[in-house]
Amino acid sequence: MRWMLNGAEIWGMGGGGLVEGIQGKFCKKVLRIPRNAARREAENEIGRESMGGNILCAAIKYWISLKQSARAEPV
């Protein structure tokens, strides 16, 4: 589901809930467990990690690169 993180640098953690929800529904469907089961348990069973950390890292790396490119430009 790495494709779901496309653009995570821009939308940051604000859109993370949607991505986490889709991932959780997918895991439950694959495992064929009830919809009202805990999402996190389904993800653990499959071996998936929370995407929140990946989203946060992508956003931080993007903003750091922006800061560094602004410093590199001649005045």
Protein backbone atom coordinates (compact mmCIF):
# COMPACT_ATOMS: atom_id res chain seq x y z
CA MET A 1 0.00 0.00 0.00
CA ARG A 2 2.96 2.29 -0.47
CA TRP A 3 1.11 4.01 -3.34
CA MET A 4 -1.30 5.43 -0.76
CA LEU A 5 1.52 7.60 0.59
CA ASN A 6 1.92 9.44 -2.70
CA GLY A 7 1.96 13.12 -1.82
CA ALA A 8 2.23 12.50 1.94
CA GLU A 9 4.91 15.20 2.06
CA ILE A 10 2.29 17.77 1.16
CA TRP A 11 -0.83 16.63 3.00
CA GLY A 12 1.07 15.49 6.11
CA MET A 13 -0.73 13.96 9.06
CA GLY A 14 -4.05 15.58 8.19
CA GLY A 15 -4.93 12.85 5.70
CA GLY A 16 -3.43 10.02 7.72
CA GLY A 17 -6.74 8.94 9.22
CA LEU A 18 -8.17 8.17 5.81
CA VAL A 19 -5.13 6.13 4.82
CA GLU A 20 -5.12 4.24 8.12
CA GLY A 21 -8.83 3.47 7.72
CA ILE A 22 -8.43 2.08 4.22
CA GLN A 23 -5.49 -0.05 5.33
CA GLY A 24 -7.45 -1.38 8.32
CA LYS A 25 -10.47 -2.29 6.18
CA PHE A 26 -8.20 -4.07 3.72
CA CYS A 27 -6.53 -6.12 6.48
CA LYS A 28 -9.91 -7.14 7.92
CA LYS A 29 -11.17 -8.16 4.50
CA VAL A 30 -8.10 -10.28 3.80
CA LEU A 31 -8.40 -12.00 7.19
CA ARG A 32 -12.18 -12.34 6.82
CA ILE A 33 -12.86 -10.99 10.29
CA PRO A 34 -15.88 -8.90 11.35
CA ARG A 35 -15.94 -5.22 10.46
CA ASN A 36 -16.33 -4.25 14.12
CA ALA A 37 -13.09 -6.04 15.11
CA ALA A 38 -10.13 -3.93 16.17
CA ARG A 39 -8.29 -2.52 13.17
CA ARG A 40 -4.92 -2.60 14.91
CA GLU A 41 -5.25 -6.31 15.73
CA ALA A 42 -5.97 -7.11 12.09
CA GLU A 43 -2.92 -5.11 10.99
CA ASN A 44 -0.73 -6.87 13.57
CA GLU A 45 -1.90 -10.28 12.39
CA ILE A 46 -0.84 -9.48 8.82
CA GLY A 47 2.36 -7.81 9.95
CA ARG A 48 1.51 -4.30 8.77
CA GLU A 49 2.81 -1.28 10.61
CA SER A 50 0.98 1.96 11.18
CA MET A 51 1.40 4.30 8.26
CA GLY A 52 1.33 7.34 10.54
CA GLY A 53 5.07 7.13 11.17
CA ASN A 54 5.81 6.86 7.45
CA ILE A 55 3.61 9.88 6.73
CA LEU A 56 5.27 11.93 9.44
CA CYS A 57 8.78 11.02 8.20
CA ALA A 58 7.89 11.93 4.61
CA ALA A 59 6.51 15.31 5.69
CA ILE A 60 9.56 16.08 7.85
CA LYS A 61 12.01 15.13 5.08
CA TYR A 62 10.12 17.31 2.62
CA TRP A 63 10.15 20.39 4.85
CA ILE A 64 13.82 19.91 5.70
CA SER A 65 14.66 19.75 2.00
CA LEU A 66 12.69 22.96 1.43
CA LYS A 67 14.61 24.71 4.20
CA GLN A 68 17.95 23.52 2.82
CA SER A 69 17.13 24.58 -0.74
CA ALA A 70 16.09 28.03 0.50
CA ARG A 71 19.48 28.45 2.20
CA ALA A 72 21.34 27.28 -0.92
CA GLU A 73 19.82 29.98 -3.16
CA PRO A 74 21.97 33.08 -3.66
CA VAL A 75 20.58 36.31 -2.26
